[in-house]
């Protein structure tokens, strides 16, 4: 499995992965991603910004995430973050039914990529009820930073953000 840049040709596979992730969250009782985002428009924006990354297993997309170099909603906690040259991980998802431990494999590859790019940390946020993602973040020693608000469907939604020093 390789981590590589998201390409236009990956769009349909990533949209199917979003459907899987949305259904998985719903099954877990998590109100994350149950509205319209993530969607094709978000993927197009991430593609244009060259932020999208896929976990490719011989042409089958097993994971998707986007890496940016800033996130305005985290600014209120800047004094708590230790890293100064970081990636923010967005839209992280892995197709857990296909391979056990796929989320861990994907996160390991993102961490290795960030180190290779000279980053000193990763930042990420998730829904408070997303126990699977929180478990993954705990496994990789991400540190809780604080609560933030994101806008979803025109409403402010609470999320919790974390940081991992590399």
N, C-alpha and C. Protein backbone atom coordinates (compact mmCIF):
# COMPACT_ATOMS: atom_id res chain seq x y z
N UNK A 1 0.85 -1.18 0.00
CA UNK A 1 0.00 0.00 0.00
C UNK A 1 0.88 1.23 0.00
N UNK A 2 0.49 2.17 -0.82
CA UNK A 2 1.28 3.41 -0.90
C UNK A 2 0.39 4.62 -0.65
N UNK A 3 1.00 5.63 -0.03
CA UNK A 3 0.37 6.93 0.14
C UNK A 3 0.77 7.76 -1.06
N UNK A 4 -0.22 8.33 -1.75
CA UNK A 4 0.08 9.17 -2.91
C UNK A 4 -0.95 10.28 -3.01
N UNK A 5 -0.67 11.23 -3.89
CA UNK A 5 -1.58 12.35 -4.10
C UNK A 5 -2.89 11.89 -4.75
N UNK A 6 -3.96 12.51 -4.33
CA UNK A 6 -5.30 12.29 -4.88
C UNK A 6 -5.34 12.83 -6.30
N UNK A 7 -5.88 12.02 -7.22
CA UNK A 7 -6.01 12.41 -8.62
C UNK A 7 -7.49 12.44 -9.01
N UNK A 8 -7.79 13.17 -10.05
CA UNK A 8 -9.16 13.27 -10.54
C UNK A 8 -9.76 11.89 -10.80
N UNK A 9 -8.96 10.97 -11.30
CA UNK A 9 -9.44 9.62 -11.62
C UNK A 9 -9.85 8.83 -10.37
N UNK A 10 -9.44 9.29 -9.18
CA UNK A 10 -9.78 8.61 -7.92
C UNK A 10 -11.15 9.02 -7.39
N UNK A 11 -11.76 10.04 -7.99
CA UNK A 11 -12.96 10.66 -7.43
C UNK A 11 -14.06 9.64 -7.10
N UNK A 12 -14.43 8.78 -8.04
CA UNK A 12 -15.54 7.85 -7.79
C UNK A 12 -15.23 6.90 -6.64
N UNK A 13 -14.00 6.41 -6.58
CA UNK A 13 -13.65 5.50 -5.48
C UNK A 13 -13.70 6.22 -4.13
N UNK A 14 -13.25 7.46 -4.09
CA UNK A 14 -13.26 8.20 -2.83
C UNK A 14 -14.70 8.53 -2.43
N UNK A 15 -15.56 8.84 -3.39
CA UNK A 15 -16.97 9.09 -3.07
C UNK A 15 -17.62 7.84 -2.48
N UNK A 16 -17.27 6.66 -2.98
CA UNK A 16 -17.78 5.41 -2.39
C UNK A 16 -17.23 5.21 -0.99
N UNK A 17 -15.98 5.59 -0.78
CA UNK A 17 -15.38 5.50 0.54
C UNK A 17 -16.10 6.44 1.51
N UNK A 18 -16.47 7.63 1.05
CA UNK A 18 -17.23 8.56 1.88
C UNK A 18 -18.57 7.94 2.28
N UNK A 19 -19.25 7.31 1.33
CA UNK A 19 -20.52 6.64 1.64
C UNK A 19 -20.32 5.58 2.72
N UNK A 20 -19.26 4.79 2.59
CA UNK A 20 -18.96 3.77 3.60
C UNK A 20 -18.71 4.41 4.96
N UNK A 21 -17.87 5.46 4.99
CA UNK A 21 -17.53 6.13 6.24
C UNK A 21 -18.76 6.75 6.88
N UNK A 22 -19.60 7.38 6.07
CA UNK A 22 -20.82 8.01 6.58
C UNK A 22 -21.73 6.95 7.21
N UNK A 23 -21.91 5.81 6.53
CA UNK A 23 -22.76 4.73 7.05
C UNK A 23 -22.16 4.14 8.33
N UNK A 24 -20.84 4.00 8.37
CA UNK A 24 -20.17 3.46 9.55
C UNK A 24 -20.36 4.38 10.75
N UNK A 25 -20.22 5.68 10.54
CA UNK A 25 -20.44 6.64 11.62
C UNK A 25 -21.90 6.60 12.09
N UNK A 26 -22.82 6.53 11.15
CA UNK A 26 -24.25 6.47 11.50
C UNK A 26 -24.52 5.23 12.35
N UNK A 27 -23.95 4.10 11.94
CA UNK A 27 -24.12 2.83 12.67
C UNK A 27 -23.57 2.95 14.09
N UNK A 28 -22.48 3.71 14.26
CA UNK A 28 -21.89 3.92 15.58
C UNK A 28 -22.62 4.98 16.39
N UNK A 29 -23.65 5.61 15.80
CA UNK A 29 -24.40 6.65 16.51
C UNK A 29 -23.70 7.99 16.55
N UNK A 30 -22.80 8.23 15.60
CA UNK A 30 -22.03 9.48 15.56
C UNK A 30 -22.66 10.40 14.52
N UNK A 31 -22.95 11.62 14.92
CA UNK A 31 -23.61 12.61 14.06
C UNK A 31 -22.61 13.36 13.17
N UNK A 32 -21.51 12.75 12.85
CA UNK A 32 -20.48 13.37 12.02
C UNK A 32 -20.67 12.94 10.58
N UNK A 33 -20.54 13.88 9.65
CA UNK A 33 -20.61 13.63 8.20
C UNK A 33 -21.98 13.13 7.76
N UNK A 34 -23.03 13.40 8.50
CA UNK A 34 -24.35 12.90 8.14
C UNK A 34 -25.11 13.87 7.24
N UNK A 35 -24.57 15.06 7.07
CA UNK A 35 -25.20 16.03 6.16
C UNK A 35 -24.52 15.91 4.79
N UNK A 36 -24.28 16.99 4.15
CA UNK A 36 -23.76 16.94 2.79
C UNK A 36 -22.24 16.84 2.68
N UNK A 37 -21.50 17.20 3.72
CA UNK A 37 -20.04 17.20 3.62
C UNK A 37 -19.47 16.09 4.49
N UNK A 38 -18.47 15.39 4.02
CA UNK A 38 -17.71 15.59 2.80
C UNK A 38 -18.49 15.14 1.56
N UNK A 39 -18.18 15.80 0.46
CA UNK A 39 -18.88 15.52 -0.79
C UNK A 39 -17.97 15.84 -1.98
N UNK A 40 -18.52 15.71 -3.17
CA UNK A 40 -17.74 15.95 -4.39
C UNK A 40 -17.16 17.36 -4.42
N UNK A 41 -17.92 18.36 -3.99
CA UNK A 41 -17.42 19.74 -4.00
C UNK A 41 -16.19 19.90 -3.10
N UNK A 42 -16.25 19.32 -1.91
CA UNK A 42 -15.11 19.38 -1.01
C UNK A 42 -13.90 18.68 -1.64
N UNK A 43 -14.12 17.50 -2.20
CA UNK A 43 -13.02 16.78 -2.85
C UNK A 43 -12.42 17.58 -3.98
N UNK A 44 -13.27 18.26 -4.76
CA UNK A 44 -12.75 19.10 -5.85
C UNK A 44 -11.88 20.22 -5.30
N UNK A 45 -12.32 20.85 -4.21
CA UNK A 45 -11.52 21.93 -3.61
C UNK A 45 -10.18 21.38 -3.10
N UNK A 46 -10.22 20.22 -2.46
CA UNK A 46 -8.99 19.62 -1.96
C UNK A 46 -8.08 19.19 -3.11
N UNK A 47 -8.66 18.74 -4.20
CA UNK A 47 -7.89 18.37 -5.38
C UNK A 47 -7.21 19.61 -5.98
N UNK A 48 -7.96 20.70 -6.14
CA UNK A 48 -7.39 21.94 -6.69
C UNK A 48 -6.26 22.47 -5.81
N UNK A 49 -6.44 22.35 -4.49
CA UNK A 49 -5.43 22.84 -3.55
C UNK A 49 -4.26 21.85 -3.39
N UNK A 50 -4.36 20.69 -4.06
CA UNK A 50 -3.34 19.64 -3.98
C UNK A 50 -3.14 19.18 -2.54
N UNK A 51 -4.25 19.06 -1.80
CA UNK A 51 -4.20 18.63 -0.40
C UNK A 51 -4.57 17.16 -0.22
N UNK A 52 -5.31 16.59 -1.15
CA UNK A 52 -5.82 15.23 -1.00
C UNK A 52 -4.73 14.17 -1.11
N UNK A 53 -4.85 13.16 -0.24
CA UNK A 53 -3.93 12.02 -0.25
C UNK A 53 -4.77 10.75 -0.18
N UNK A 54 -4.33 9.72 -0.89
CA UNK A 54 -5.04 8.44 -0.86
C UNK A 54 -4.09 7.34 -0.42
N UNK A 55 -4.67 6.33 0.20
CA UNK A 55 -3.97 5.10 0.50
C UNK A 55 -4.37 4.13 -0.60
N UNK A 56 -3.43 3.85 -1.49
CA UNK A 56 -3.69 3.08 -2.70
C UNK A 56 -3.14 1.67 -2.54
N UNK A 57 -4.02 0.70 -2.68
CA UNK A 57 -3.63 -0.71 -2.63
C UNK A 57 -3.82 -1.30 -4.02
N UNK A 58 -2.78 -1.18 -4.86
CA UNK A 58 -2.80 -1.70 -6.24
C UNK A 58 -4.04 -1.23 -7.02
N UNK A 59 -4.29 0.09 -6.95
CA UNK A 59 -5.38 0.68 -7.71
C UNK A 59 -6.70 0.77 -6.98
N UNK A 60 -6.78 0.20 -5.78
CA UNK A 60 -7.99 0.27 -4.97
C UNK A 60 -7.74 1.26 -3.84
N UNK A 61 -8.56 2.30 -3.77
CA UNK A 61 -8.40 3.33 -2.74
C UNK A 61 -8.96 2.79 -1.43
N UNK A 62 -8.07 2.67 -0.44
CA UNK A 62 -8.45 2.15 0.87
C UNK A 62 -8.56 3.24 1.93
N UNK A 63 -8.03 4.43 1.63
CA UNK A 63 -8.08 5.52 2.58
C UNK A 63 -8.00 6.85 1.87
N UNK A 64 -8.56 7.87 2.51
CA UNK A 64 -8.49 9.23 1.98
C UNK A 64 -8.32 10.20 3.13
N UNK A 65 -7.53 11.23 2.89
CA UNK A 65 -7.37 12.33 3.83
C UNK A 65 -6.82 13.52 3.08
N UNK A 66 -6.90 14.66 3.70
CA UNK A 66 -6.34 15.88 3.10
C UNK A 66 -5.39 16.50 4.10
N UNK A 67 -4.30 17.04 3.61
CA UNK A 67 -3.29 17.69 4.45
C UNK A 67 -3.15 19.14 4.04
N UNK A 68 -3.46 20.03 4.98
CA UNK A 68 -3.27 21.46 4.72
C UNK A 68 -2.23 22.00 5.70
N UNK A 69 -1.82 23.23 5.47
CA UNK A 69 -0.81 23.83 6.34
C UNK A 69 -1.38 24.85 7.30
N UNK A 70 -2.72 24.92 7.38
CA UNK A 70 -3.34 25.82 8.35
C UNK A 70 -4.80 25.43 8.54
N UNK A 71 -5.36 25.91 9.64
CA UNK A 71 -6.78 25.73 9.92
C UNK A 71 -7.18 26.85 10.87
N UNK A 72 -7.92 27.81 10.35
CA UNK A 72 -8.26 29.03 11.12
C UNK A 72 -9.00 28.72 12.42
N UNK A 73 -9.81 27.67 12.43
CA UNK A 73 -10.58 27.39 13.65
C UNK A 73 -9.69 26.95 14.82
N UNK A 74 -8.43 26.60 14.55
CA UNK A 74 -7.52 26.20 15.62
C UNK A 74 -6.81 27.40 16.25
N UNK A 75 -6.94 28.58 15.66
CA UNK A 75 -6.18 29.76 16.10
C UNK A 75 -6.36 30.06 17.58
N UNK A 76 -7.53 29.81 18.11
CA UNK A 76 -7.79 30.13 19.53
C UNK A 76 -6.91 29.31 20.46
N UNK A 77 -6.37 28.21 19.99
CA UNK A 77 -5.53 27.34 20.82
C UNK A 77 -4.05 27.42 20.45
N UNK A 78 -3.68 28.41 19.65
CA UNK A 78 -2.29 28.47 19.17
C UNK A 78 -1.28 28.43 20.31
N UNK A 79 -1.59 29.03 21.43
CA UNK A 79 -0.67 29.04 22.57
C UNK A 79 -0.47 27.65 23.17
N UNK A 80 -1.39 26.70 22.90
CA UNK A 80 -1.26 25.35 23.44
C UNK A 80 -0.53 24.39 22.49
N UNK A 81 -0.54 24.71 21.20
CA UNK A 81 0.15 23.85 20.24
C UNK A 81 1.65 24.02 20.41
N UNK A 82 2.38 22.91 20.36
CA UNK A 82 3.84 22.95 20.49
C UNK A 82 4.52 23.02 19.13
N UNK A 83 3.95 22.37 18.12
CA UNK A 83 4.55 22.37 16.80
C UNK A 83 4.32 23.68 16.07
N UNK A 84 5.26 24.05 15.25
CA UNK A 84 5.16 25.31 14.50
C UNK A 84 5.10 25.10 12.98
N UNK A 85 5.57 23.97 12.50
CA UNK A 85 5.58 23.65 11.07
C UNK A 85 4.84 22.33 10.92
N UNK A 86 3.56 22.41 10.63
CA UNK A 86 2.66 21.25 10.77
C UNK A 86 1.79 21.04 9.54
N UNK A 87 1.20 19.86 9.49
CA UNK A 87 0.08 19.58 8.61
C UNK A 87 -1.16 19.45 9.48
N UNK A 88 -2.28 19.93 8.95
CA UNK A 88 -3.59 19.66 9.54
C UNK A 88 -4.20 18.54 8.72
N UNK A 89 -4.64 17.48 9.39
CA UNK A 89 -5.25 16.34 8.72
C UNK A 89 -6.76 16.57 8.70
N UNK A 90 -7.33 16.52 7.50
CA UNK A 90 -8.78 16.70 7.31
C UNK A 90 -9.35 15.46 6.64
N UNK A 91 -10.63 15.23 6.82
CA UNK A 91 -11.39 14.25 6.04
C UNK A 91 -10.74 12.86 6.07
N UNK A 92 -10.18 12.48 7.22
CA UNK A 92 -9.48 11.19 7.35
C UNK A 92 -10.49 10.06 7.38
N UNK A 93 -10.31 9.08 6.49
CA UNK A 93 -11.18 7.90 6.49
C UNK A 93 -10.44 6.73 5.90
N UNK A 94 -10.79 5.54 6.39
CA UNK A 94 -10.21 4.30 5.88
C UNK A 94 -11.32 3.26 5.78
N UNK A 95 -11.19 2.39 4.82
CA UNK A 95 -12.22 1.37 4.58
C UNK A 95 -11.95 0.19 5.51
N UNK A 96 -12.44 0.25 6.72
CA UNK A 96 -12.13 -0.72 7.76
C UNK A 96 -12.61 -2.13 7.46
N UNK A 97 -13.60 -2.30 6.61
CA UNK A 97 -14.09 -3.64 6.32
C UNK A 97 -13.12 -4.45 5.47
N UNK A 98 -12.28 -3.77 4.71
CA UNK A 98 -11.39 -4.47 3.79
C UNK A 98 -10.16 -5.07 4.46
N UNK A 99 -9.57 -4.35 5.39
CA UNK A 99 -8.34 -4.81 6.05
C UNK A 99 -8.35 -4.34 7.49
N UNK A 100 -8.16 -5.26 8.42
CA UNK A 100 -8.08 -4.88 9.83
C UNK A 100 -6.84 -4.01 10.04
N UNK A 101 -7.00 -2.95 10.80
CA UNK A 101 -5.88 -2.07 11.10
C UNK A 101 -5.57 -1.07 10.00
N UNK A 102 -6.46 -0.91 9.05
CA UNK A 102 -6.21 -0.02 7.92
C UNK A 102 -6.06 1.44 8.36
N UNK A 103 -6.85 1.87 9.34
CA UNK A 103 -6.71 3.23 9.86
C UNK A 103 -5.32 3.47 10.41
N UNK A 104 -4.78 2.48 11.12
CA UNK A 104 -3.43 2.59 11.67
C UNK A 104 -2.38 2.65 10.56
N UNK A 105 -2.54 1.81 9.56
CA UNK A 105 -1.60 1.81 8.43
C UNK A 105 -1.61 3.18 7.75
N UNK A 106 -2.81 3.71 7.54
CA UNK A 106 -2.95 5.01 6.88
C UNK A 106 -2.31 6.11 7.73
N UNK A 107 -2.58 6.10 9.04
CA UNK A 107 -2.01 7.13 9.92
C UNK A 107 -0.48 7.01 9.95
N UNK A 108 0.05 5.80 10.00
CA UNK A 108 1.51 5.62 9.97
C UNK A 108 2.11 6.24 8.72
N UNK A 109 1.46 6.05 7.59
CA UNK A 109 1.98 6.59 6.33
C UNK A 109 1.89 8.12 6.31
N UNK A 110 0.82 8.68 6.88
CA UNK A 110 0.71 10.14 6.96
C UNK A 110 1.80 10.71 7.86
N UNK A 111 2.05 10.06 8.99
CA UNK A 111 3.10 10.51 9.90
C UNK A 111 4.47 10.45 9.20
N UNK A 112 4.75 9.36 8.51
CA UNK A 112 6.03 9.22 7.80
C UNK A 112 6.16 10.30 6.72
N UNK A 113 5.07 10.57 5.99
CA UNK A 113 5.09 11.60 4.95
C UNK A 113 5.36 12.98 5.57
N UNK A 114 4.69 13.28 6.67
CA UNK A 114 4.88 14.58 7.32
C UNK A 114 6.33 14.75 7.78
N UNK A 115 6.90 13.71 8.33
CA UNK A 115 8.31 13.77 8.75
C UNK A 115 9.21 14.00 7.55
N UNK A 116 8.95 13.27 6.46
CA UNK A 116 9.75 13.42 5.24
C UNK A 116 9.67 14.84 4.70
N UNK A 117 8.51 15.47 4.87
CA UNK A 117 8.31 16.85 4.41
C UNK A 117 8.86 17.88 5.39
N UNK A 118 9.47 17.43 6.48
CA UNK A 118 10.08 18.33 7.45
C UNK A 118 9.12 18.92 8.46
N UNK A 119 7.95 18.37 8.59
CA UNK A 119 6.97 18.89 9.54
C UNK A 119 7.33 18.44 10.95
N UNK A 120 6.98 19.27 11.94
CA UNK A 120 7.29 18.90 13.33
C UNK A 120 6.06 18.40 14.09
N UNK A 121 4.87 18.48 13.45
CA UNK A 121 3.67 18.02 14.13
C UNK A 121 2.52 17.83 13.16
N UNK A 122 1.49 17.15 13.66
CA UNK A 122 0.22 17.00 12.97
C UNK A 122 -0.87 17.54 13.87
N UNK A 123 -1.88 18.15 13.26
CA UNK A 123 -3.05 18.61 13.99
C UNK A 123 -4.28 17.97 13.33
N UNK A 124 -5.29 17.69 14.14
CA UNK A 124 -6.50 17.04 13.63
C UNK A 124 -7.65 17.32 14.58
N UNK A 125 -8.87 17.27 14.07
CA UNK A 125 -10.04 17.37 14.95
C UNK A 125 -11.04 16.29 14.58
N UNK A 126 -11.92 16.00 15.52
CA UNK A 126 -12.95 15.00 15.29
C UNK A 126 -14.15 15.29 16.17
N UNK A 127 -15.23 14.62 15.88
CA UNK A 127 -16.45 14.68 16.68
C UNK A 127 -16.18 14.02 18.03
N UNK A 128 -16.69 14.59 19.08
CA UNK A 128 -16.45 14.04 20.42
C UNK A 128 -16.93 12.59 20.55
N UNK A 129 -18.00 12.23 19.85
CA UNK A 129 -18.54 10.88 19.93
C UNK A 129 -17.85 9.88 19.01
N UNK A 130 -16.92 10.33 18.18
CA UNK A 130 -16.26 9.43 17.23
C UNK A 130 -15.18 8.63 17.98
N UNK A 131 -15.64 7.59 18.67
CA UNK A 131 -14.75 6.79 19.51
C UNK A 131 -13.69 6.06 18.72
N UNK A 132 -13.99 5.70 17.48
CA UNK A 132 -12.98 5.01 16.67
C UNK A 132 -11.80 5.94 16.36
N UNK A 133 -12.12 7.16 15.93
CA UNK A 133 -11.05 8.11 15.61
C UNK A 133 -10.30 8.52 16.88
N UNK A 134 -11.02 8.72 17.96
CA UNK A 134 -10.36 9.08 19.22
C UNK A 134 -9.43 7.96 19.68
N UNK A 135 -9.85 6.71 19.47
CA UNK A 135 -9.00 5.58 19.81
C UNK A 135 -7.73 5.56 18.96
N UNK A 136 -7.88 5.86 17.67
CA UNK A 136 -6.72 5.91 16.78
C UNK A 136 -5.77 7.02 17.20
N UNK A 137 -6.32 8.18 17.53
CA UNK A 137 -5.48 9.30 17.95
C UNK A 137 -4.76 8.97 19.26
N UNK A 138 -5.44 8.30 20.16
CA UNK A 138 -4.81 7.88 21.41
C UNK A 138 -3.68 6.88 21.13
N UNK A 139 -3.92 5.94 20.25
CA UNK A 139 -2.91 4.93 19.89
C UNK A 139 -1.63 5.59 19.37
N UNK A 140 -1.79 6.70 18.64
CA UNK A 140 -0.64 7.38 18.05
C UNK A 140 -0.16 8.57 18.89
N UNK A 141 -0.57 8.60 20.15
CA UNK A 141 -0.10 9.60 21.11
C UNK A 141 -0.39 11.05 20.72
N UNK A 142 -1.55 11.28 20.12
CA UNK A 142 -2.00 12.65 19.91
C UNK A 142 -2.43 13.22 21.26
N UNK A 143 -2.17 14.48 21.48
CA UNK A 143 -2.51 15.16 22.72
C UNK A 143 -3.75 16.02 22.52
N UNK A 144 -4.69 15.92 23.45
CA UNK A 144 -5.90 16.75 23.42
C UNK A 144 -5.50 18.22 23.59
N UNK A 145 -6.04 19.08 22.73
CA UNK A 145 -5.76 20.52 22.81
C UNK A 145 -6.97 21.29 23.33
N UNK A 146 -8.15 21.08 22.73
CA UNK A 146 -9.34 21.79 23.18
C UNK A 146 -10.49 21.67 22.20
N UNK A 147 -11.59 22.30 22.56
CA UNK A 147 -12.79 22.31 21.70
C UNK A 147 -12.72 23.45 20.69
N UNK A 148 -13.21 23.17 19.51
CA UNK A 148 -13.33 24.17 18.46
C UNK A 148 -14.75 24.10 17.90
N UNK A 149 -15.09 25.04 17.06
CA UNK A 149 -16.37 25.01 16.34
C UNK A 149 -16.09 25.06 14.85
N UNK A 150 -16.78 24.21 14.12
CA UNK A 150 -16.73 24.25 12.67
C UNK A 150 -18.12 24.60 12.16
N UNK A 151 -18.19 25.12 10.96
CA UNK A 151 -19.50 25.41 10.37
C UNK A 151 -19.90 24.25 9.48
N UNK A 152 -21.10 23.74 9.71
CA UNK A 152 -21.63 22.64 8.90
C UNK A 152 -23.09 22.95 8.61
N UNK A 153 -23.43 23.01 7.33
CA UNK A 153 -24.81 23.32 6.94
C UNK A 153 -25.29 24.63 7.57
N UNK A 154 -24.38 25.60 7.72
CA UNK A 154 -24.74 26.89 8.27
C UNK A 154 -24.89 26.93 9.78
N UNK A 155 -24.52 25.84 10.46
CA UNK A 155 -24.62 25.78 11.92
C UNK A 155 -23.25 25.48 12.52
N UNK A 156 -23.00 26.08 13.68
CA UNK A 156 -21.74 25.79 14.38
C UNK A 156 -21.84 24.42 15.04
N UNK A 157 -20.81 23.60 14.84
CA UNK A 157 -20.75 22.26 15.41
C UNK A 157 -19.46 22.13 16.22
N UNK A 158 -19.58 21.55 17.41
CA UNK A 158 -18.42 21.34 18.26
C UNK A 158 -17.56 20.19 17.75
N UNK A 159 -16.25 20.37 17.85
CA UNK A 159 -15.28 19.32 17.55
C UNK A 159 -14.16 19.45 18.58
N UNK A 160 -13.37 18.41 18.72
CA UNK A 160 -12.22 18.46 19.61
C UNK A 160 -10.96 18.30 18.76
N UNK A 161 -9.95 19.09 19.10
CA UNK A 161 -8.72 19.04 18.29
C UNK A 161 -7.56 18.48 19.12
N UNK A 162 -6.61 17.92 18.37
CA UNK A 162 -5.47 17.22 18.95
C UNK A 162 -4.21 17.58 18.16
N UNK A 163 -3.08 17.28 18.78
CA UNK A 163 -1.79 17.49 18.13
C UNK A 163 -0.87 16.30 18.42
N UNK A 164 -0.06 15.95 17.44
CA UNK A 164 0.99 14.96 17.62
C UNK A 164 2.32 15.60 17.25
N UNK A 165 3.26 15.59 18.20
CA UNK A 165 4.61 16.06 17.91
C UNK A 165 5.35 14.91 17.22
N UNK A 166 5.99 15.24 16.11
CA UNK A 166 6.69 14.20 15.33
C UNK A 166 8.15 14.05 15.73
